Amino acid sequence: MFEGDKLVAMAGQRLHALPFAEVSAVCTHPNHLGRGYAKQLLIQQVNRIQAANQTPYLHVKDTNERAISVYESLGFAKRIPVFFYVIQRDK
């Protein structure tokens, strides 16, 4: 979503492990939170995925309560915990 020429929110798709498709990169610029942009974009992605006869899924950090609330309002449910590790080189 753009406001003028500035990107303020986005969502896309990434992994397609048939019959599933991952909704990814759901994000809204902090100055534009609370306007329903993420929900609109999620609905658009879910509709595209379902039109392709696939099942949408997504990942979210368990501390991201704001996002979880939006996802649950659209019918997504928590399934299993997924663990992520960040590896970085010593400086």
PDB file of N, CA and C in Angstrom:
ATOM      1  N   MET A   1       0.851  -1.165   0.000  1.00  0.00           N
ATOM      2  CA  MET A   1       0.000   0.000   0.000  1.00  0.00           C
ATOM      3  C   MET A   1       0.900   1.231   0.000  1.00  0.00           C
ATOM      4  N   PHE A   2       0.479   2.177  -0.748  1.00  0.00           N
ATOM      5  CA  PHE A   2       1.243   3.408  -0.853  1.00  0.00           C
ATOM      6  C   PHE A   2       0.411   4.571  -0.351  1.00  0.00           C
ATOM      7  N   GLU A   3       1.083   5.519   0.231  1.00  0.00           N
ATOM      8  CA  GLU A   3       0.494   6.808   0.541  1.00  0.00           C
ATOM      9  C   GLU A   3       1.286   7.799  -0.287  1.00  0.00           C
ATOM     10  N   GLY A   4       0.674   8.268  -1.344  1.00  0.00           N
ATOM     11  CA  GLY A   4       1.435   9.052  -2.304  1.00  0.00           C
ATOM     12  C   GLY A   4       2.448   8.136  -2.966  1.00  0.00           C
ATOM     13  N   ASP A   5       3.712   8.513  -2.893  1.00  0.00           N
ATOM     14  CA  ASP A   5       4.763   7.672  -3.481  1.00  0.00           C
ATOM     15  C   ASP A   5       5.531   6.876  -2.436  1.00  0.00           C
ATOM     16  N   LYS A   6       5.020   6.838  -1.194  1.00  0.00           N
ATOM     17  CA  LYS A   6       5.712   6.133  -0.108  1.00  0.00           C
ATOM     18  C   LYS A   6       5.019   4.815   0.223  1.00  0.00           C
ATOM     19  N   LEU A   7       5.819   3.749   0.273  1.00  0.00           N
ATOM     20  CA  LEU A   7       5.319   2.442   0.687  1.00  0.00           C
ATOM     21  C   LEU A   7       5.055   2.481   2.188  1.00  0.00           C
ATOM     22  N   VAL A   8       3.816   2.172   2.602  1.00  0.00           N
ATOM     23  CA  VAL A   8       3.484   2.223   4.029  1.00  0.00           C
ATOM     24  C   VAL A   8       3.100   0.861   4.598  1.00  0.00           C
ATOM     25  N   ALA A   9       2.754  -0.104   3.743  1.00  0.00           N
ATOM     26  CA  ALA A   9       2.414  -1.445   4.212  1.00  0.00           C
ATOM     27  C   ALA A   9       2.562  -2.417   3.053  1.00  0.00           C
ATOM     28  N   MET A  10       2.876  -3.679   3.400  1.00  0.00           N
ATOM     29  CA  MET A  10       3.035  -4.682   2.347  1.00  0.00           C
ATOM     30  C   MET A  10       2.792  -6.078   2.895  1.00  0.00           C
ATOM     31  N   ALA A  11       2.523  -6.999   1.991  1.00  0.00           N
ATOM     32  CA  ALA A  11       2.406  -8.420   2.295  1.00  0.00           C
ATOM     33  C   ALA A  11       2.636  -9.159   0.986  1.00  0.00           C
ATOM     34  N   GLY A  12       3.166 -10.359   1.094  1.00  0.00           N
ATOM     35  CA  GLY A  12       3.427 -11.130  -0.110  1.00  0.00           C
ATOM     36  C   GLY A  12       3.351 -12.610   0.173  1.00  0.00           C
ATOM     37  N   GLN A  13       3.901 -13.374  -0.745  1.00  0.00           N
ATOM     38  CA  GLN A  13       3.961 -14.823  -0.595  1.00  0.00           C
ATOM     39  C   GLN A  13       5.398 -15.262  -0.793  1.00  0.00           C
ATOM     40  N   ARG A  14       5.733 -16.370  -0.153  1.00  0.00           N
ATOM     41  CA  ARG A  14       7.102 -16.862  -0.250  1.00  0.00           C
ATOM     42  C   ARG A  14       7.118 -18.337  -0.596  1.00  0.00           C
ATOM     43  N   LEU A  15       7.005 -19.192   0.355  1.00  0.00           N
ATOM     44  CA  LEU A  15       7.134 -20.632   0.120  1.00  0.00           C
ATOM     45  C   LEU A  15       5.820 -21.234  -0.380  1.00  0.00           C
ATOM     46  N   HIS A  16       5.946 -22.098  -1.376  1.00  0.00           N
ATOM     47  CA  HIS A  16       4.782 -22.800  -1.919  1.00  0.00           C
ATOM     48  C   HIS A  16       5.059 -24.302  -1.852  1.00  0.00           C
ATOM     49  N   ALA A  17       4.844 -24.861  -0.683  1.00  0.00           N
ATOM     50  CA  ALA A  17       4.989 -26.314  -0.480  1.00  0.00           C
ATOM     51  C   ALA A  17       3.594 -26.904  -0.646  1.00  0.00           C
ATOM     52  N   LEU A  18       3.261 -27.210  -1.882  1.00  0.00           N
ATOM     53  CA  LEU A  18       1.898 -27.618  -2.218  1.00  0.00           C
ATOM     54  C   LEU A  18       1.375 -28.686  -1.265  1.00  0.00           C
ATOM     55  N   PRO A  19       0.164 -28.525  -0.803  1.00  0.00           N
ATOM     56  CA  PRO A  19      -0.864 -27.587  -1.225  1.00  0.00           C
ATOM     57  C   PRO A  19      -0.900 -26.305  -0.390  1.00  0.00           C
ATOM     58  N   PHE A  20       0.209 -25.943   0.220  1.00  0.00           N
ATOM     59  CA  PHE A  20       0.256 -24.768   1.085  1.00  0.00           C
ATOM     60  C   PHE A  20       1.005 -23.619   0.415  1.00  0.00           C
ATOM     61  N   ALA A  21       0.668 -22.398   0.830  1.00  0.00           N
ATOM     62  CA  ALA A  21       1.387 -21.207   0.372  1.00  0.00           C
ATOM     63  C   ALA A  21       1.548 -20.288   1.576  1.00  0.00           C
ATOM     64  N   GLU A  22       2.758 -19.807   1.766  1.00  0.00           N
ATOM     65  CA  GLU A  22       3.063 -18.974   2.926  1.00  0.00           C
ATOM     66  C   GLU A  22       2.817 -17.493   2.637  1.00  0.00           C
ATOM     67  N   VAL A  23       2.044 -16.867   3.503  1.00  0.00           N
ATOM     68  CA  VAL A  23       1.908 -15.417   3.480  1.00  0.00           C
ATOM     69  C   VAL A  23       3.116 -14.882   4.236  1.00  0.00           C
ATOM     70  N   SER A  24       3.843 -13.961   3.641  1.00  0.00           N
ATOM     71  CA  SER A  24       5.054 -13.478   4.301  1.00  0.00           C
ATOM     72  C   SER A  24       5.214 -11.968   4.121  1.00  0.00           C
ATOM     73  N   ALA A  25       6.177 -11.443   4.836  1.00  0.00           N
ATOM     74  CA  ALA A  25       6.549 -10.021   4.760  1.00  0.00           C
ATOM     75  C   ALA A  25       5.372  -9.105   5.050  1.00  0.00           C
ATOM     76  N   VAL A  26       4.533  -9.493   5.992  1.00  0.00           N
ATOM     77  CA  VAL A  26       3.416  -8.637   6.379  1.00  0.00           C
ATOM     78  C   VAL A  26       3.973  -7.567   7.306  1.00  0.00           C
ATOM     79  N   CYS A  27       3.947  -6.343   6.859  1.00  0.00           N
ATOM     80  CA  CYS A  27       4.473  -5.275   7.710  1.00  0.00           C
ATOM     81  C   CYS A  27       3.852  -3.931   7.349  1.00  0.00           C
ATOM     82  N   THR A  28       3.777  -3.086   8.369  1.00  0.00           N
ATOM     83  CA  THR A  28       3.229  -1.738   8.234  1.00  0.00           C
ATOM     84  C   THR A  28       4.206  -0.774   8.884  1.00  0.00           C
ATOM     85  N   HIS A  29       4.462   0.331   8.216  1.00  0.00           N
ATOM     86  CA  HIS A  29       5.337   1.358   8.796  1.00  0.00           C
ATOM     87  C   HIS A  29       4.724   1.813  10.123  1.00  0.00           C
ATOM     88  N   PRO A  30       5.540   1.988  11.156  1.00  0.00           N
ATOM     89  CA  PRO A  30       5.017   2.365  12.477  1.00  0.00           C
ATOM     90  C   PRO A  30       4.127   3.607  12.472  1.00  0.00           C
ATOM     91  N   ASN A  31       4.362   4.541  11.582  1.00  0.00           N
ATOM     92  CA  ASN A  31       3.530   5.748  11.525  1.00  0.00           C
ATOM     93  C   ASN A  31       2.147   5.498  10.934  1.00  0.00           C
ATOM     94  N   HIS A  32       1.902   4.287  10.465  1.00  0.00           N
ATOM     95  CA  HIS A  32       0.640   3.976   9.789  1.00  0.00           C
ATOM     96  C   HIS A  32      -0.104   2.804  10.422  1.00  0.00           C
ATOM     97  N   LEU A  33       0.279   2.442  11.641  1.00  0.00           N
ATOM     98  CA  LEU A  33      -0.389   1.346  12.349  1.00  0.00           C
ATOM     99  C   LEU A  33      -1.821   1.716  12.709  1.00  0.00           C
ATOM    100  N   GLY A  34      -2.665   0.698  12.835  1.00  0.00           N
ATOM    101  CA  GLY A  34      -4.034   0.911  13.301  1.00  0.00           C
ATOM    102  C   GLY A  34      -5.002   1.360  12.229  1.00  0.00           C
ATOM    103  N   ARG A  35      -4.597   1.334  10.976  1.00  0.00           N
ATOM    104  CA  ARG A  35      -5.472   1.772   9.886  1.00  0.00           C
ATOM    105  C   ARG A  35      -6.075   0.602   9.110  1.00  0.00           C
ATOM    106  N   GLY A  36      -5.758  -0.620   9.538  1.00  0.00           N
ATOM    107  CA  GLY A  36      -6.321  -1.797   8.892  1.00  0.00           C
ATOM    108  C   GLY A  36      -5.594  -2.241   7.635  1.00  0.00           C
ATOM    109  N   TYR A  37      -4.424  -1.666   7.373  1.00  0.00           N
ATOM    110  CA  TYR A  37      -3.691  -2.013   6.150  1.00  0.00           C
ATOM    111  C   TYR A  37      -3.275  -3.482   6.135  1.00  0.00           C
ATOM    112  N   ALA A  38      -2.735  -3.975   7.231  1.00  0.00           N
ATOM    113  CA  ALA A  38      -2.281  -5.369   7.274  1.00  0.00           C
ATOM    114  C   ALA A  38      -3.453  -6.308   7.023  1.00  0.00           C
ATOM    115  N   LYS A  39      -4.576  -6.031   7.626  1.00  0.00           N
ATOM    116  CA  LYS A  39      -5.748  -6.886   7.443  1.00  0.00           C
ATOM    117  C   LYS A  39      -6.187  -6.898   5.983  1.00  0.00           C
ATOM    118  N   GLN A  40      -6.231  -5.745   5.348  1.00  0.00           N
ATOM    119  CA  GLN A  40      -6.620  -5.668   3.934  1.00  0.00           C
ATOM    120  C   GLN A  40      -5.658  -6.465   3.061  1.00  0.00           C
ATOM    121  N   LEU A  41      -4.376  -6.304   3.319  1.00  0.00           N
ATOM    122  CA  LEU A  41      -3.370  -7.001   2.528  1.00  0.00           C
ATOM    123  C   LEU A  41      -3.417  -8.509   2.761  1.00  0.00           C
ATOM    124  N   LEU A  42      -3.649  -8.912   3.997  1.00  0.00           N
ATOM    125  CA  LEU A  42      -3.776 -10.340   4.307  1.00  0.00           C
ATOM    126  C   LEU A  42      -4.968 -10.948   3.589  1.00  0.00           C
ATOM    127  N   ILE A  43      -6.085 -10.267   3.613  1.00  0.00           N
ATOM    128  CA  ILE A  43      -7.276 -10.767   2.921  1.00  0.00           C
ATOM    129  C   ILE A  43      -6.983 -10.941   1.438  1.00  0.00           C
ATOM    130  N   GLN A  44      -6.288  -9.985   0.856  1.00  0.00           N
ATOM    131  CA  GLN A  44      -5.928 -10.073  -0.560  1.00  0.00           C
ATOM    132  C   GLN A  44      -5.054 -11.303  -0.831  1.00  0.00           C
ATOM    133  N   GLN A  45      -4.054 -11.527   0.009  1.00  0.00           N
ATOM    134  CA  GLN A  45      -3.168 -12.680  -0.179  1.00  0.00           C
ATOM    135  C   GLN A  45      -3.902 -13.994   0.041  1.00  0.00           C
ATOM    136  N   VAL A  46      -4.722 -14.062   1.075  1.00  0.00           N
ATOM    137  CA  VAL A  46      -5.490 -15.282   1.354  1.00  0.00           C
ATOM    138  C   VAL A  46      -6.410 -15.591   0.174  1.00  0.00           C
ATOM    139  N   ASN A  47      -7.071 -14.581  -0.365  1.00  0.00           N
ATOM    140  CA  ASN A  47      -7.951 -14.801  -1.515  1.00  0.00           C
ATOM    141  C   ASN A  47      -7.174 -15.314  -2.720  1.00  0.00           C
ATOM    142  N   ARG A  48      -5.998 -14.762  -2.975  1.00  0.00           N
ATOM    143  CA  ARG A  48      -5.166 -15.228  -4.090  1.00  0.00           C
ATOM    144  C   ARG A  48      -4.742 -16.681  -3.896  1.00  0.00           C
ATOM    145  N   ILE A  49      -4.337 -17.012  -2.681  1.00  0.00           N
ATOM    146  CA  ILE A  49      -3.886 -18.374  -2.381  1.00  0.00           C
ATOM    147  C   ILE A  49      -5.038 -19.355  -2.536  1.00  0.00           C
ATOM    148  N   GLN A  50      -6.186 -19.015  -1.978  1.00  0.00           N
ATOM    149  CA  GLN A  50      -7.331 -19.915  -2.065  1.00  0.00           C
ATOM    150  C   GLN A  50      -7.835 -20.043  -3.502  1.00  0.00           C
ATOM    151  N   ALA A  51      -7.747 -18.987  -4.290  1.00  0.00           N
ATOM    152  CA  ALA A  51      -8.141 -19.051  -5.700  1.00  0.00           C
ATOM    153  C   ALA A  51      -7.262 -20.021  -6.474  1.00  0.00           C
ATOM    154  N   ALA A  52      -6.040 -20.232  -5.987  1.00  0.00           N
ATOM    155  CA  ALA A  52      -5.115 -21.193  -6.607  1.00  0.00           C
ATOM    156  C   ALA A  52      -5.255 -22.583  -5.983  1.00  0.00           C
ATOM    157  N   ASN A  53      -6.347 -22.790  -5.227  1.00  0.00           N
ATOM    158  CA  ASN A  53      -6.614 -24.072  -4.560  1.00  0.00           C
ATOM    159  C   ASN A  53      -5.493 -24.480  -3.608  1.00  0.00           C
ATOM    160  N   GLN A  54      -4.927 -23.500  -2.928  1.00  0.00           N
ATOM    161  CA  GLN A  54      -3.898 -23.769  -1.928  1.00  0.00           C
ATOM    162  C   GLN A  54      -4.400 -23.312  -0.565  1.00  0.00           C
ATOM    163  N   THR A  55      -3.685 -23.713   0.474  1.00  0.00           N
ATOM    164  CA  THR A  55      -4.036 -23.362   1.846  1.00  0.00           C
ATOM    165  C   THR A  55      -3.023 -22.352   2.379  1.00  0.00           C
ATOM    166  N   PRO A  56      -3.491 -21.181   2.815  1.00  0.00           N
ATOM    167  CA  PRO A  56      -2.554 -20.181   3.343  1.00  0.00           C
ATOM    168  C   PRO A  56      -2.080 -20.533   4.750  1.00  0.00           C
ATOM    169  N   TYR A  57      -0.824 -20.195   5.027  1.00  0.00           N
ATOM    170  CA  TYR A  57      -0.272 -20.315   6.378  1.00  0.00           C
ATOM    171  C   TYR A  57       0.747 -19.192   6.551  1.00  0.00           C
ATOM    172  N   LEU A  58       1.147 -18.983   7.770  1.00  0.00           N
ATOM    173  CA  LEU A  58       2.152 -17.955   8.043  1.00  0.00           C
ATOM    174  C   LEU A  58       2.879 -18.255   9.334  1.00  0.00           C
ATOM    175  N   HIS A  59       3.966 -17.539   9.546  1.00  0.00           N
ATOM    176  CA  HIS A  59       4.745 -17.624  10.778  1.00  0.00           C
ATOM    177  C   HIS A  59       4.690 -16.258  11.450  1.00  0.00           C
ATOM    178  N   VAL A  60       4.711 -16.278  12.763  1.00  0.00           N
ATOM    179  CA  VAL A  60       4.741 -15.022  13.508  1.00  0.00           C
ATOM    180  C   VAL A  60       5.478 -15.265  14.820  1.00  0.00           C
ATOM    181  N   LYS A  61       6.255 -14.287  15.219  1.00  0.00           N
ATOM    182  CA  LYS A  61       6.954 -14.369  16.500  1.00  0.00           C
ATOM    183  C   LYS A  61       5.913 -14.372  17.617  1.00  0.00           C
ATOM    184  N   ASP A  62       6.069 -15.273  18.579  1.00  0.00           N
ATOM    185  CA  ASP A  62       5.045 -15.440  19.618  1.00  0.00           C
ATOM    186  C   ASP A  62       4.856 -14.217  20.511  1.00  0.00           C
ATOM    187  N   THR A  63       5.756 -13.264  20.449  1.00  0.00           N
ATOM    188  CA  THR A  63       5.609 -12.042  21.233  1.00  0.00           C
ATOM    189  C   THR A  63       4.936 -10.914  20.445  1.00  0.00           C
ATOM    190  N   ASN A  64       4.617 -11.161  19.180  1.00  0.00           N
ATOM    191  CA  ASN A  64       4.004 -10.138  18.335  1.00  0.00           C
ATOM    192  C   ASN A  64       2.476 -10.206  18.487  1.00  0.00           C
ATOM    193  N   GLU A  65       2.007  -9.740  19.630  1.00  0.00           N
ATOM    194  CA  GLU A  65       0.593  -9.855  19.961  1.00  0.00           C
ATOM    195  C   GLU A  65      -0.311  -9.093  19.004  1.00  0.00           C
ATOM    196  N   ARG A  66       0.156  -7.948  18.534  1.00  0.00           N
ATOM    197  CA  ARG A  66      -0.642  -7.146  17.597  1.00  0.00           C
ATOM    198  C   ARG A  66      -0.918  -7.943  16.316  1.00  0.00           C
ATOM    199  N   ALA A  67       0.125  -8.543  15.757  1.00  0.00           N
ATOM    200  CA  ALA A  67      -0.028  -9.326  14.529  1.00  0.00           C
ATOM    201  C   ALA A  67      -0.876 -10.567  14.778  1.00  0.00           C
ATOM    202  N   ILE A  68      -0.636 -11.248  15.884  1.00  0.00           N
ATOM    203  CA  ILE A  68      -1.407 -12.455  16.198  1.00  0.00           C
ATOM    204  C   ILE A  68      -2.892 -12.129  16.272  1.00  0.00           C
ATOM    205  N   SER A  69      -3.228 -10.999  16.850  1.00  0.00           N
ATOM    206  CA  SER A  69      -4.626 -10.585  16.950  1.00  0.00           C
ATOM    207  C   SER A  69      -5.249 -10.416  15.562  1.00  0.00           C
ATOM    208  N   VAL A  70      -4.514  -9.791  14.655  1.00  0.00           N
ATOM    209  CA  VAL A  70      -5.010  -9.610  13.281  1.00  0.00           C
ATOM    210  C   VAL A  70      -5.181 -10.966  12.607  1.00  0.00           C
ATOM    211  N   TYR A  71      -4.179 -11.822  12.730  1.00  0.00           N
ATOM    212  CA  TYR A  71      -4.231 -13.136  12.082  1.00  0.00           C
ATOM    213  C   TYR A  71      -5.402 -13.965  12.611  1.00  0.00           C
ATOM    214  N   GLU A  72      -5.575 -13.968  13.921  1.00  0.00           N
ATOM    215  CA  GLU A  72      -6.669 -14.740  14.508  1.00  0.00           C
ATOM    216  C   GLU A  72      -8.030 -14.179  14.089  1.00  0.00           C
ATOM    217  N   SER A  73      -8.119 -12.865  13.916  1.00  0.00           N
ATOM    218  CA  SER A  73      -9.395 -12.271  13.490  1.00  0.00           C
ATOM    219  C   SER A  73      -9.775 -12.713  12.080  1.00  0.00           C
ATOM    220  N   LEU A  74      -8.803 -13.183  11.312  1.00  0.00           N
ATOM    221  CA  LEU A  74      -9.042 -13.662   9.952  1.00  0.00           C
ATOM    222  C   LEU A  74      -9.175 -15.186   9.884  1.00  0.00           C
ATOM    223  N   GLY A  75      -9.157 -15.841  11.045  1.00  0.00           N
ATOM    224  CA  GLY A  75      -9.364 -17.279  11.074  1.00  0.00           C
ATOM    225  C   GLY A  75      -8.108 -18.116  11.192  1.00  0.00           C
ATOM    226  N   PHE A  76      -6.945 -17.493  11.224  1.00  0.00           N
ATOM    227  CA  PHE A  76      -5.720 -18.267  11.436  1.00  0.00           C
ATOM    228  C   PHE A  76      -5.688 -18.740  12.880  1.00  0.00           C
ATOM    229  N   ALA A  77      -5.084 -19.890  13.101  1.00  0.00           N
ATOM    230  CA  ALA A  77      -4.982 -20.449  14.449  1.00  0.00           C
ATOM    231  C   ALA A  77      -3.549 -20.890  14.700  1.00  0.00           C
ATOM    232  N   LYS A  78      -3.143 -20.831  15.958  1.00  0.00           N
ATOM    233  CA  LYS A  78      -1.800 -21.308  16.332  1.00  0.00           C
ATOM    234  C   LYS A  78      -1.761 -22.818  16.165  1.00  0.00           C
ATOM    235  N   ARG A  79      -0.682 -23.300  15.559  1.00  0.00           N
ATOM    236  CA  ARG A  79      -0.549 -24.738  15.322  1.00  0.00           C
ATOM    237  C   ARG A  79       0.610 -25.320  16.115  1.00  0.00           C
ATOM    238  N   ILE A  80       1.826 -24.944  15.756  1.00  0.00           N
ATOM    239  CA  ILE A  80       3.000 -25.470  16.435  1.00  0.00           C
ATOM    240  C   ILE A  80       4.028 -24.364  16.595  1.00  0.00           C
ATOM    241  N   PRO A  81       4.835 -24.429  17.643  1.00  0.00           N
ATOM    242  CA  PRO A  81       5.901 -23.433  17.773  1.00  0.00           C
ATOM    243  C   PRO A  81       7.022 -23.725  16.773  1.00  0.00           C
ATOM    244  N   VAL A  82       7.585 -22.672  16.245  1.00  0.00           N
ATOM    245  CA  VAL A  82       8.725 -22.780  15.333  1.00  0.00           C
ATOM    246  C   VAL A  82       9.856 -21.971  15.966  1.00  0.00           C
ATOM    247  N   PHE A  83      11.036 -22.541  15.992  1.00  0.00           N
ATOM    248  CA  PHE A  83      12.162 -21.875  16.624  1.00  0.00           C
ATOM    249  C   PHE A  83      13.110 -21.336  15.563  1.00  0.00           C
ATOM    250  N   PHE A  84      13.527 -20.107  15.760  1.00  0.00           N
ATOM    251  CA  PHE A  84      14.458 -19.450  14.847  1.00  0.00           C
ATOM    252  C   PHE A  84      15.737 -19.120  15.607  1.00  0.00           C
ATOM    253  N   TYR A  85      16.828 -19.266  14.944  1.00  0.00           N
ATOM    254  CA  TYR A  85      18.123 -18.943  15.543  1.00  0.00           C
ATOM    255  C   TYR A  85      18.804 -17.902  14.680  1.00  0.00           C
ATOM    256  N   VAL A  86      19.435 -16.946  15.327  1.00  0.00           N
ATOM    257  CA  VAL A  86      20.194 -15.927  14.618  1.00  0.00           C
ATOM    258  C   VAL A  86      21.656 -16.199  14.888  1.00  0.00           C
ATOM    259  N   ILE A  87      22.389 -16.385  13.836  1.00  0.00           N
ATOM    260  CA  ILE A  87      23.829 -16.649  13.941  1.00  0.00           C
ATOM    261  C   ILE A  87      24.545 -15.467  13.323  1.00  0.00           C
ATOM    262  N   GLN A  88      25.484 -14.938  14.070  1.00  0.00           N
ATOM    263  CA  GLN A  88      26.267 -13.823  13.533  1.00  0.00           C
ATOM    264  C   GLN A  88      27.734 -14.005  13.858  1.00  0.00           C
ATOM    265  N   ARG A  89      28.537 -13.413  13.066  1.00  0.00           N
ATOM    266  CA  ARG A  89      29.980 -13.498  13.225  1.00  0.00           C
ATOM    267  C   ARG A  89      30.442 -12.535  14.315  1.00  0.00           C
ATOM    268  N   ASP A  90      31.406 -12.967  15.119  1.00  0.00           N
ATOM    269  CA  ASP A  90      31.987 -12.072  16.114  1.00  0.00           C
ATOM    270  C   ASP A  90      32.696 -10.938  15.392  1.00  0.00           C
ATOM    271  N   LYS A  91      32.639  -9.773  15.995  1.00  0.00           N
ATOM    272  CA  LYS A  91      33.291  -8.611  15.370  1.00  0.00           C
ATOM    273  C   LYS A  91      34.700  -8.459  15.863  1.00  0.00           C
TER     274      LYS A  91
END
